[in-house]
């Protein structure tokens, strides 16, 4: 049941931080500043579960001491046996709480609580790949709706048969990135396409990117580096669906990155969305460069999230979905494509936690 000195030191720091924030919440200077108060409450709520488990662990330590004292002091066999059983139970509970605290103190991704932009692009497979991209978009929207997240369409390039060459959408809600972060990569589908008259199974792909959304203050944009162009919104087949030039194309000259938004009727709203998309892409680019060495160390584990990795196969003939990073297969493809992806996401998160636990123990 005893914890390592390293863990105890970490917990002491967390507790001191928690008590300091608790005291600051009564400070008039904090109470009069909405931004400071909101930040303090957010951190207070984040630390509270750790403190609750820590206090529960300390109670088990006290109960273990009492049970040990009773066992040592009692001369009655029945009472000693009772105390021994109690000690065994308390120690087991303490070991569980100790492991829980270890997991809680594992390094967190600083982006975990952010909203995300998700990009889905058709890969190999022509029109079938575009239809698969649309299936993935629907799947994520259904998952988001079922879990209290909000989605908003940012940009799309539809096809005449109802697929997407590309679709970009925002998922908003606390912890969106932590839930969806492992979805980045190449998704592969094996099925008979609707366009196939011979009944042959075709393999097609789509790429998914999950980008943590950047705050305005994190990515500074120099207006001199931006080129705005307005154009008419268009739908599948190039037919214009908006007679006014409300669509926006934004080019970032230093990097050559181009983003487009046409989902709003207002050019101003499309411009605002385009700027948000650009900031997120630039933030993600900087993040990837910074984490390049870390990503290299993680290859072969849950995965880096790089879009070049084939992460999952959706096999329609066998009603099976397989994640290749953790070797998990679910024989419930229909439910999975209807947004019931929680089991897979939780398994990926568990694998990542196990990897971090192994790193800590080394």
Protein backbone atom coordinates (compact mmCIF):
# COMPACT_ATOMS: atom_id res chain seq x y z
CA UNK A 1 0.00 0.00 0.00
CA UNK A 2 2.89 2.49 0.55
CA UNK A 3 3.43 5.04 -2.23
CA UNK A 4 6.74 5.93 -3.79
CA UNK A 5 8.52 9.07 -2.57
CA UNK A 6 8.10 10.57 -6.03
CA UNK A 7 4.33 10.10 -5.96
CA UNK A 8 4.05 11.46 -2.44
CA UNK A 9 6.04 14.54 -3.46
CA UNK A 10 3.76 15.11 -6.45
CA UNK A 11 0.66 14.73 -4.30
CA UNK A 12 1.99 17.19 -1.74
CA UNK A 13 2.46 19.74 -4.51
CA UNK A 14 -1.04 19.12 -5.86
CA UNK A 15 -2.57 19.49 -2.40
CA UNK A 16 -0.68 22.73 -1.75
CA UNK A 17 -1.87 24.05 -5.10
CA UNK A 18 -5.47 23.01 -4.34
CA UNK A 19 -5.48 24.68 -0.92
CA UNK A 20 -3.96 27.83 -2.39
CA UNK A 21 -6.66 28.06 -5.04
CA UNK A 22 -9.34 27.32 -2.44
CA UNK A 23 -8.11 30.28 -0.40
CA UNK A 24 -7.89 32.53 -3.46
CA UNK A 25 -11.57 31.96 -4.25
CA UNK A 26 -12.37 34.13 -1.21
CA UNK A 27 -9.90 36.82 -2.23
CA UNK A 28 -11.71 40.06 -3.24
CA UNK A 29 -9.10 40.65 -5.97
CA UNK A 30 -10.01 37.31 -7.58
CA UNK A 31 -13.75 37.66 -7.00
CA UNK A 32 -13.76 41.05 -8.72
CA UNK A 33 -11.96 39.73 -11.82
CA UNK A 34 -14.25 37.38 -13.82
CA UNK A 35 -11.37 36.00 -15.91
CA UNK A 36 -9.19 35.21 -12.88
CA UNK A 37 -12.12 33.70 -11.03
CA UNK A 38 -13.06 31.50 -14.01
CA UNK A 39 -9.46 30.26 -14.37
CA UNK A 40 -9.21 29.55 -10.64
CA UNK A 41 -12.51 27.63 -10.61
CA UNK A 42 -11.46 25.60 -13.64
CA UNK A 43 -8.20 24.55 -11.96
CA UNK A 44 -10.00 23.96 -8.65
CA UNK A 45 -12.48 21.60 -10.33
CA UNK A 46 -9.64 19.80 -12.11
CA UNK A 47 -7.73 19.17 -8.87
CA UNK A 48 -10.75 18.34 -6.67
CA UNK A 49 -11.09 14.67 -7.80
CA UNK A 50 -7.39 14.07 -7.03
CA UNK A 51 -7.77 15.51 -3.55
CA UNK A 52 -10.91 13.41 -2.95
CA UNK A 53 -9.01 10.21 -3.82
CA UNK A 54 -5.98 11.32 -1.79
CA UNK A 55 -8.14 11.86 1.29
CA UNK A 56 -9.81 8.49 0.77
CA UNK A 57 -6.35 6.90 0.56
CA UNK A 58 -5.31 8.57 3.83
CA UNK A 59 -8.44 7.18 5.49
CA UNK A 60 -7.40 3.68 4.45
CA UNK A 61 -3.99 4.29 6.03
CA UNK A 62 -5.64 5.21 9.33
CA UNK A 63 -8.02 2.24 9.13
CA UNK A 64 -5.06 -0.06 8.40
CA UNK A 65 -3.23 1.21 11.49
CA UNK A 66 -6.32 0.64 13.65
CA UNK A 67 -6.83 -2.87 12.30
CA UNK A 68 -3.15 -3.70 12.86
CA UNK A 69 -3.28 -2.39 16.43
CA UNK A 70 -6.43 -4.41 17.13
CA UNK A 71 -4.85 -7.55 15.73
CA UNK A 72 -1.67 -7.05 17.80
CA UNK A 73 -3.47 -6.19 21.03
CA UNK A 74 -6.26 -8.74 21.02
CA UNK A 75 -5.86 -12.07 22.74
CA UNK A 76 -9.11 -13.49 21.35
CA UNK A 77 -8.63 -15.59 18.17
CA UNK A 78 -11.97 -14.54 16.66
CA UNK A 79 -11.20 -10.86 17.13
CA UNK A 80 -7.68 -11.29 15.72
CA UNK A 81 -9.13 -13.09 12.69
CA UNK A 82 -11.67 -10.30 12.18
CA UNK A 83 -8.90 -7.67 12.42
CA UNK A 84 -6.73 -9.59 9.94
CA UNK A 85 -9.56 -9.75 7.40
CA UNK A 86 -10.26 -6.04 7.88
CA UNK A 87 -6.56 -5.22 7.41
CA UNK A 88 -6.45 -7.25 4.22
CA UNK A 89 -9.55 -5.49 2.84
CA UNK A 90 -8.29 -2.03 3.76
CA UNK A 91 -4.88 -2.65 2.18
CA UNK A 92 -6.50 -3.85 -1.03
CA UNK A 93 -8.63 -0.71 -1.12
CA UNK A 94 -5.56 1.41 -0.49
CA UNK A 95 -3.65 -0.25 -3.34
CA UNK A 96 -6.55 0.49 -5.68
CA UNK A 97 -6.61 4.13 -4.62
CA UNK A 98 -2.82 4.37 -4.96
CA UNK A 99 -3.02 3.12 -8.56
CA UNK A 100 -5.86 5.55 -9.23
CA UNK A 101 -3.78 8.45 -7.93
CA UNK A 102 -0.85 7.37 -10.10
CA UNK A 103 -3.09 7.46 -13.17
CA UNK A 104 -4.50 10.85 -12.17
CA UNK A 105 -1.01 12.33 -11.95
CA UNK A 106 0.15 11.04 -15.33
CA UNK A 107 1.17 13.83 -17.73
CA UNK A 108 -1.89 15.30 -19.41
CA UNK A 109 -2.02 16.62 -22.93
CA UNK A 110 -2.41 20.39 -22.53
CA UNK A 111 -4.90 20.32 -25.40
CA UNK A 112 -7.26 17.78 -23.80
CA UNK A 113 -9.97 20.28 -22.87
CA UNK A 114 -9.96 22.14 -26.20
CA UNK A 115 -12.54 22.14 -28.94
CA UNK A 116 -11.37 20.53 -32.16
CA UNK A 117 -11.52 20.99 -35.89
CA UNK A 118 -11.88 17.71 -37.74
CA UNK A 119 -10.89 17.35 -41.38
CA UNK A 120 -12.05 14.34 -43.37
CA UNK A 121 -10.69 13.88 -46.89
CA UNK A 122 -11.47 11.17 -49.45
CA UNK A 123 -8.37 9.11 -50.25
CA UNK A 124 -7.89 6.20 -52.63
CA UNK A 125 -11.04 4.81 -54.20
CA UNK A 126 -12.67 7.59 -56.22
CA UNK A 127 -16.37 8.17 -55.57
CA UNK A 128 -16.51 5.31 -53.07
CA UNK A 129 -13.84 7.05 -50.96
CA UNK A 130 -15.95 10.24 -51.02
CA UNK A 131 -19.01 8.29 -49.86
CA UNK A 132 -16.94 6.74 -47.07
CA UNK A 133 -15.79 10.22 -46.02
CA UNK A 134 -19.47 11.18 -45.73
CA UNK A 135 -20.11 8.07 -43.61
CA UNK A 136 -17.31 9.06 -41.25
CA UNK A 137 -18.64 12.62 -41.00
CA UNK A 138 -22.08 11.30 -40.09
CA UNK A 139 -20.55 8.89 -37.56
CA UNK A 140 -18.66 11.63 -35.72
CA UNK A 141 -21.66 13.97 -35.75
CA UNK A 142 -23.83 11.24 -34.22
CA UNK A 143 -21.19 10.48 -31.59
CA UNK A 144 -20.90 14.17 -30.73
CA UNK A 145 -24.67 14.61 -30.40
CA UNK A 146 -24.97 11.57 -28.14
CA UNK A 147 -22.19 12.83 -25.85
CA UNK A 148 -23.23 16.44 -25.45
CA UNK A 149 -20.82 18.00 -27.96
CA UNK A 150 -21.91 20.55 -30.55
CA UNK A 151 -20.85 20.34 -34.19
CA UNK A 152 -20.77 23.05 -36.81
CA UNK A 153 -19.83 22.68 -40.46
CA UNK A 154 -16.90 24.86 -41.51
CA UNK A 155 -16.20 23.84 -45.10
CA UNK A 156 -17.20 21.11 -47.54
CA UNK A 157 -16.55 19.90 -51.05
CA UNK A 158 -19.50 17.60 -51.85
CA UNK A 159 -19.86 15.18 -54.76
CA UNK A 160 -22.93 14.56 -56.90
CA UNK A 161 -23.60 11.17 -55.25
CA UNK A 162 -23.67 12.62 -51.73
CA UNK A 163 -20.07 12.07 -50.71
CA UNK A 164 -17.35 14.51 -49.71
CA UNK A 165 -14.01 15.16 -51.32
CA UNK A 166 -13.31 17.11 -48.14
CA UNK A 167 -15.32 18.22 -45.14
CA UNK A 168 -14.15 20.33 -42.20
CA UNK A 169 -16.24 20.70 -39.06
CA UNK A 170 -15.88 21.92 -35.49
CA UNK A 171 -16.63 19.84 -32.41
CA UNK A 172 -17.25 22.04 -29.39
CA UNK A 173 -17.46 20.96 -25.76
CA UNK A 174 -15.33 20.31 -22.70
CA UNK A 175 -12.83 17.55 -23.40
CA UNK A 176 -13.60 17.25 -27.11
CA UNK A 177 -9.93 16.78 -28.01
CA UNK A 178 -9.33 14.21 -25.27
CA UNK A 179 -12.22 12.13 -26.62
CA UNK A 180 -11.34 12.33 -30.31
CA UNK A 181 -7.56 12.75 -30.38
CA UNK A 182 -6.80 9.18 -31.48
CA UNK A 183 -9.04 9.36 -34.54
CA UNK A 184 -6.34 11.01 -36.68
CA UNK A 185 -5.03 8.74 -39.41
CA UNK A 186 -6.04 6.72 -42.45
CA UNK A 187 -9.38 4.92 -42.18
CA UNK A 188 -9.92 2.03 -44.61
CA UNK A 189 -13.23 0.59 -45.76
CA UNK A 190 -13.86 -2.77 -47.44
CA UNK A 191 -17.30 -3.15 -49.01
CA UNK A 192 -19.22 -3.51 -52.25
CA UNK A 193 -19.67 0.06 -53.58
CA UNK A 194 -23.06 1.25 -54.75
CA UNK A 195 -21.36 2.00 -58.06
CA UNK A 196 -20.17 -1.62 -58.45
CA UNK A 197 -22.43 -3.73 -60.69
CA UNK A 198 -20.45 -6.97 -60.37
CA UNK A 199 -20.69 -7.25 -56.59
CA UNK A 200 -16.95 -7.02 -56.06
CA UNK A 201 -15.53 -5.79 -52.76
CA UNK A 202 -13.49 -2.61 -53.05
CA UNK A 203 -10.99 -1.14 -50.62
CA UNK A 204 -11.10 2.63 -50.24
CA UNK A 205 -9.64 5.10 -47.76
CA UNK A 206 -10.29 8.44 -46.13
CA UNK A 207 -7.99 10.48 -43.93
CA UNK A 208 -9.08 12.06 -40.67
CA UNK A 209 -7.24 14.86 -38.88
CA UNK A 210 -8.17 16.03 -35.38
CA UNK A 211 -6.76 19.49 -34.68
CA UNK A 212 -7.01 21.14 -31.24
CA UNK A 213 -8.54 24.54 -31.77
CA UNK A 214 -6.23 27.49 -31.12
CA UNK A 215 -7.23 30.45 -29.01
CA UNK A 216 -6.97 33.89 -30.61
CA UNK A 217 -4.17 34.95 -28.27
CA UNK A 218 -2.02 31.90 -29.08
CA UNK A 219 -1.52 32.52 -32.79
CA UNK A 220 -0.85 36.07 -33.88
CA UNK A 221 -1.80 36.84 -37.46
CA UNK A 222 -0.25 39.79 -39.22
CA UNK A 223 -2.88 41.32 -41.53
CA UNK A 224 -0.11 41.97 -44.06
CA UNK A 225 0.42 38.20 -44.32
CA UNK A 226 -3.21 37.48 -45.22
CA UNK A 227 -4.91 37.52 -48.61
CA UNK A 228 -8.72 37.44 -48.54
CA UNK A 229 -10.69 36.52 -51.64
CA UNK A 230 -14.46 36.42 -51.93
CA UNK A 231 -16.36 34.13 -54.27
CA UNK A 232 -19.78 32.57 -54.76
CA UNK A 233 -20.61 29.50 -52.71
CA UNK A 234 -20.99 26.38 -54.81
CA UNK A 235 -22.41 22.92 -54.29
CA UNK A 236 -21.91 19.52 -55.88
CA UNK A 237 -21.17 19.65 -59.58
CA UNK A 238 -20.13 23.28 -59.38
CA UNK A 239 -23.67 24.67 -59.34
CA UNK A 240 -23.87 28.01 -57.56
CA UNK A 241 -26.12 27.93 -54.53
CA UNK A 242 -25.57 31.52 -53.47
CA UNK A 243 -25.83 34.49 -55.84
CA UNK A 244 -23.83 36.75 -53.50
CA UNK A 245 -20.10 36.45 -52.99
CA UNK A 246 -20.30 35.31 -49.37
CA UNK A 247 -17.73 32.50 -49.56
CA UNK A 248 -14.22 33.33 -48.36
CA UNK A 249 -10.82 31.99 -49.39
CA UNK A 250 -7.98 32.95 -47.06
CA UNK A 251 -4.29 32.54 -47.94
CA UNK A 252 -1.49 32.80 -45.39
CA UNK A 253 1.45 34.08 -47.46
CA UNK A 254 4.35 32.99 -45.21
CA UNK A 255 3.26 29.33 -45.23
CA UNK A 256 1.10 29.12 -48.35
CA UNK A 257 -1.74 27.61 -46.30
CA UNK A 258 -5.15 28.17 -47.87
CA UNK A 259 -8.46 27.75 -46.05
CA UNK A 260 -11.97 28.25 -47.38
CA UNK A 261 -15.34 28.73 -45.74
CA UNK A 262 -18.73 29.01 -47.45
CA UNK A 263 -21.17 27.62 -44.90
CA UNK A 264 -22.62 30.93 -43.73
CA UNK A 265 -24.69 33.38 -45.78
CA UNK A 266 -22.73 36.25 -44.28
CA UNK A 267 -19.25 36.96 -45.65
CA UNK A 268 -18.30 38.38 -42.26
CA UNK A 269 -19.18 35.08 -40.52
CA UNK A 270 -17.34 33.08 -43.15
CA UNK A 271 -14.30 35.30 -42.70
CA UNK A 272 -14.41 34.76 -38.94
CA UNK A 273 -14.63 30.98 -39.41
CA UNK A 274 -11.78 31.05 -41.94
CA UNK A 275 -9.56 32.93 -39.47
CA UNK A 276 -10.39 30.37 -36.78
CA UNK A 277 -9.50 27.54 -39.14
CA UNK A 278 -6.21 29.20 -40.12
CA UNK A 279 -5.20 29.77 -36.49
CA UNK A 280 -5.93 26.14 -35.69
CA UNK A 281 -3.93 24.84 -38.66
CA UNK A 282 -0.97 27.05 -37.74
CA UNK A 283 -1.21 26.03 -34.08
CA UNK A 284 -1.30 22.36 -35.06
CA UNK A 285 1.68 22.82 -37.35
CA UNK A 286 3.74 24.39 -34.54
CA UNK A 287 2.58 21.70 -32.11
CA UNK A 288 3.62 18.91 -34.48
CA UNK A 289 7.05 20.42 -35.02
CA UNK A 290 7.53 20.79 -31.27
CA UNK A 291 6.43 17.22 -30.56
CA UNK A 292 8.27 15.56 -33.45
CA UNK A 293 10.77 13.79 -31.20
CA UNK A 294 8.07 12.68 -28.78
CA UNK A 295 5.99 11.35 -31.67
CA UNK A 296 8.97 9.34 -32.91
CA UNK A 297 9.31 7.72 -29.48
CA UNK A 298 5.62 6.80 -29.45
CA UNK A 299 5.50 5.00 -32.78
CA UNK A 300 4.36 1.42 -32.40
CA UNK A 301 2.23 2.28 -29.37
CA UNK A 302 -1.22 3.84 -29.71
CA UNK A 303 0.14 5.89 -32.61
CA UNK A 304 1.21 9.41 -33.30
CA UNK A 305 -2.08 10.50 -34.84
CA UNK A 306 -0.26 11.21 -38.08
CA UNK A 307 -2.51 11.15 -41.12
CA UNK A 308 -0.11 8.82 -42.94
CA UNK A 309 -0.87 5.95 -40.55
CA UNK A 310 -3.48 3.35 -41.44
CA UNK A 311 -5.26 3.08 -38.13
CA UNK A 312 -8.57 1.32 -38.72
CA UNK A 313 -10.42 -0.96 -41.11
CA UNK A 314 -14.21 -1.03 -41.56
CA UNK A 315 -15.07 -4.43 -43.05
CA UNK A 316 -18.69 -4.55 -44.20
CA UNK A 317 -18.90 -8.23 -45.31
CA UNK A 318 -17.85 -9.33 -41.81
CA UNK A 319 -19.67 -6.50 -39.95
CA UNK A 320 -16.32 -5.82 -38.28
CA UNK A 321 -14.28 -2.75 -37.37
CA UNK A 322 -10.63 -3.26 -36.38
CA UNK A 323 -8.22 -0.75 -34.87
CA UNK A 324 -4.74 -1.83 -35.93
CA UNK A 325 -2.90 0.15 -33.24
CA UNK A 326 -4.29 -1.89 -30.36
CA UNK A 327 -5.52 -4.97 -32.25
CA UNK A 328 -9.13 -4.53 -31.13
CA UNK A 329 -11.95 -5.82 -33.36
CA UNK A 330 -15.63 -5.10 -32.76
CA UNK A 331 -18.30 -7.08 -34.61
CA UNK A 332 -20.84 -4.27 -34.51
CA UNK A 333 -20.01 -2.15 -37.53
CA UNK A 334 -23.58 -0.93 -38.02
CA UNK A 335 -23.76 0.51 -34.50
CA UNK A 336 -20.23 1.88 -34.82
CA UNK A 337 -21.10 3.88 -37.93
CA UNK A 338 -24.15 5.19 -36.08
CA UNK A 339 -21.86 6.90 -33.61
CA UNK A 340 -21.46 4.14 -31.01
CA UNK A 341 -17.69 4.42 -30.94
CA UNK A 342 -17.21 4.81 -27.16
CA UNK A 343 -15.79 1.31 -26.60
CA UNK A 344 -13.06 1.89 -29.18
CA UNK A 345 -12.20 5.35 -27.86
CA UNK A 346 -12.01 4.08 -24.28
CA UNK A 347 -9.77 1.17 -25.33
CA UNK A 348 -7.41 3.58 -27.09
CA UNK A 349 -7.30 5.84 -24.02
CA UNK A 350 -6.62 2.82 -21.78
CA UNK A 351 -3.75 1.72 -24.02
CA UNK A 352 -2.27 5.21 -23.85
CA UNK A 353 -2.59 5.24 -20.05
CA UNK A 354 -0.86 1.85 -19.84
CA UNK A 355 1.99 3.19 -21.97
CA UNK A 356 2.40 6.21 -19.70
CA UNK A 357 2.29 3.98 -16.60
CA UNK A 358 5.06 1.84 -18.07
CA UNK A 359 7.12 4.96 -18.75
CA UNK A 360 6.66 6.16 -15.16
CA UNK A 361 7.73 2.80 -13.71
CA UNK A 362 10.95 2.67 -15.76
